[in-house]
Amino acid sequence: MKKRCFWVTESKLYQEYHDEEWGVPVYDDTTLFEFLLLETFQAGLSWITILNKRENFRKAFDHFDYKKIAIYPESKYDSLLQVYNVSKK
């Protein structure tokens, strides 16, 4: 049995994250940007909640392609705000 940190639950997704991503240095801009956005959405939520929604975030944000996101039209922002129930105020 693999030794894991105390915070890892029985969730296979959490275990895979711990074993394959946690503590592994990242140098790829897209992956760094992905974690930046995921951490932002994580505020107030558990990390496992974000991991469970990660694929949905990837779809919503064009696989975290920051070059695409940088040129999103206003309508795309409006769409994302609607999906995530966020006000523009």
Protein backbone atom coordinates (compact mmCIF):
# COMPACT_ATOMS: atom_id res chain seq x y z
CA MET A 1 0.00 0.00 0.00
CA LYS A 2 1.27 3.45 -0.94
CA LYS A 3 1.98 5.84 1.92
CA ARG A 4 -0.12 9.01 1.58
CA CYS A 5 -0.62 12.21 3.51
CA PHE A 6 -3.23 12.24 6.26
CA TRP A 7 -5.59 14.47 4.25
CA VAL A 8 -6.09 12.01 1.39
CA THR A 9 -9.51 10.41 1.52
CA GLU A 10 -10.70 7.13 0.01
CA SER A 11 -11.56 9.00 -3.18
CA LYS A 12 -9.69 7.50 -6.14
CA LEU A 13 -9.56 10.97 -7.70
CA TYR A 14 -7.95 12.42 -4.57
CA GLN A 15 -5.50 9.53 -4.37
CA GLU A 16 -4.49 9.97 -8.01
CA TYR A 17 -4.03 13.71 -7.45
CA HIS A 18 -1.85 13.03 -4.41
CA ASP A 19 0.22 10.32 -6.10
CA GLU A 20 0.70 12.00 -9.48
CA GLU A 21 0.44 15.78 -8.99
CA TRP A 22 0.85 16.83 -5.35
CA GLY A 23 4.32 18.18 -4.72
CA VAL A 24 5.48 17.69 -8.31
CA PRO A 25 7.16 20.83 -9.69
CA VAL A 26 5.30 22.40 -12.61
CA TYR A 27 6.97 24.54 -15.26
CA ASP A 28 4.34 24.50 -17.99
CA ASP A 29 2.47 27.82 -18.29
CA THR A 30 -0.87 26.20 -19.10
CA THR A 31 -0.69 23.87 -16.10
CA LEU A 32 0.36 26.71 -13.82
CA PHE A 33 -2.56 28.78 -15.11
CA GLU A 34 -4.91 25.83 -14.53
CA PHE A 35 -3.84 25.61 -10.89
CA LEU A 36 -4.15 29.37 -10.48
CA LEU A 37 -7.76 29.27 -11.68
CA LEU A 38 -8.62 26.13 -9.72
CA GLU A 39 -7.17 27.63 -6.54
CA THR A 40 -9.24 30.77 -7.15
CA PHE A 41 -12.44 28.75 -7.49
CA GLN A 42 -11.45 26.70 -4.45
CA ALA A 43 -11.79 29.63 -2.04
CA GLY A 44 -14.06 28.40 0.73
CA LEU A 45 -14.42 24.92 -0.73
CA SER A 46 -12.49 21.72 -0.18
CA TRP A 47 -9.89 20.75 -2.76
CA ILE A 48 -11.73 17.48 -3.47
CA THR A 49 -14.76 19.54 -4.50
CA ILE A 50 -12.62 21.33 -7.08
CA LEU A 51 -11.04 18.08 -8.25
CA ASN A 52 -14.53 16.65 -8.78
CA LYS A 53 -15.40 19.66 -10.96
CA ARG A 54 -12.04 19.89 -12.73
CA GLU A 55 -13.23 18.44 -16.04
CA ASN A 56 -16.13 20.89 -16.12
CA PHE A 57 -13.69 23.76 -15.52
CA ARG A 58 -11.48 22.44 -18.33
CA LYS A 59 -14.44 22.46 -20.71
CA ALA A 60 -15.64 25.88 -19.60
CA PHE A 61 -12.20 27.46 -19.92
CA ASP A 62 -10.95 25.81 -23.11
CA HIS A 63 -8.60 23.48 -21.23
CA PHE A 64 -7.11 26.51 -19.47
CA ASP A 65 -5.65 27.85 -22.69
CA TYR A 66 -4.76 31.33 -21.46
CA LYS A 67 -4.22 32.57 -25.02
CA LYS A 68 -7.85 31.73 -25.88
CA ILE A 69 -9.14 33.09 -22.59
CA ALA A 70 -7.30 36.39 -23.17
CA ILE A 71 -9.37 37.05 -26.28
CA TYR A 72 -12.75 35.85 -25.02
CA PRO A 73 -15.51 38.12 -26.24
CA GLU A 74 -17.80 39.78 -23.71
CA SER A 75 -20.49 37.20 -24.52
CA LYS A 76 -18.22 34.37 -23.30
CA TYR A 77 -17.65 36.18 -20.00
CA ASP A 78 -21.40 36.70 -19.66
CA SER A 79 -21.98 33.02 -20.34
CA LEU A 80 -19.44 31.96 -17.72
CA LEU A 81 -20.90 34.35 -15.20
CA GLN A 82 -24.34 32.84 -15.77
CA VAL A 83 -23.07 29.30 -15.40
CA TYR A 84 -21.30 30.11 -12.17
CA ASN A 85 -24.11 32.39 -10.96
CA VAL A 86 -21.83 35.39 -10.47
CA SER A 87 -22.85 39.02 -10.70
CA LYS A 88 -20.79 41.56 -12.68
CA LYS A 89 -21.22 44.12 -9.88
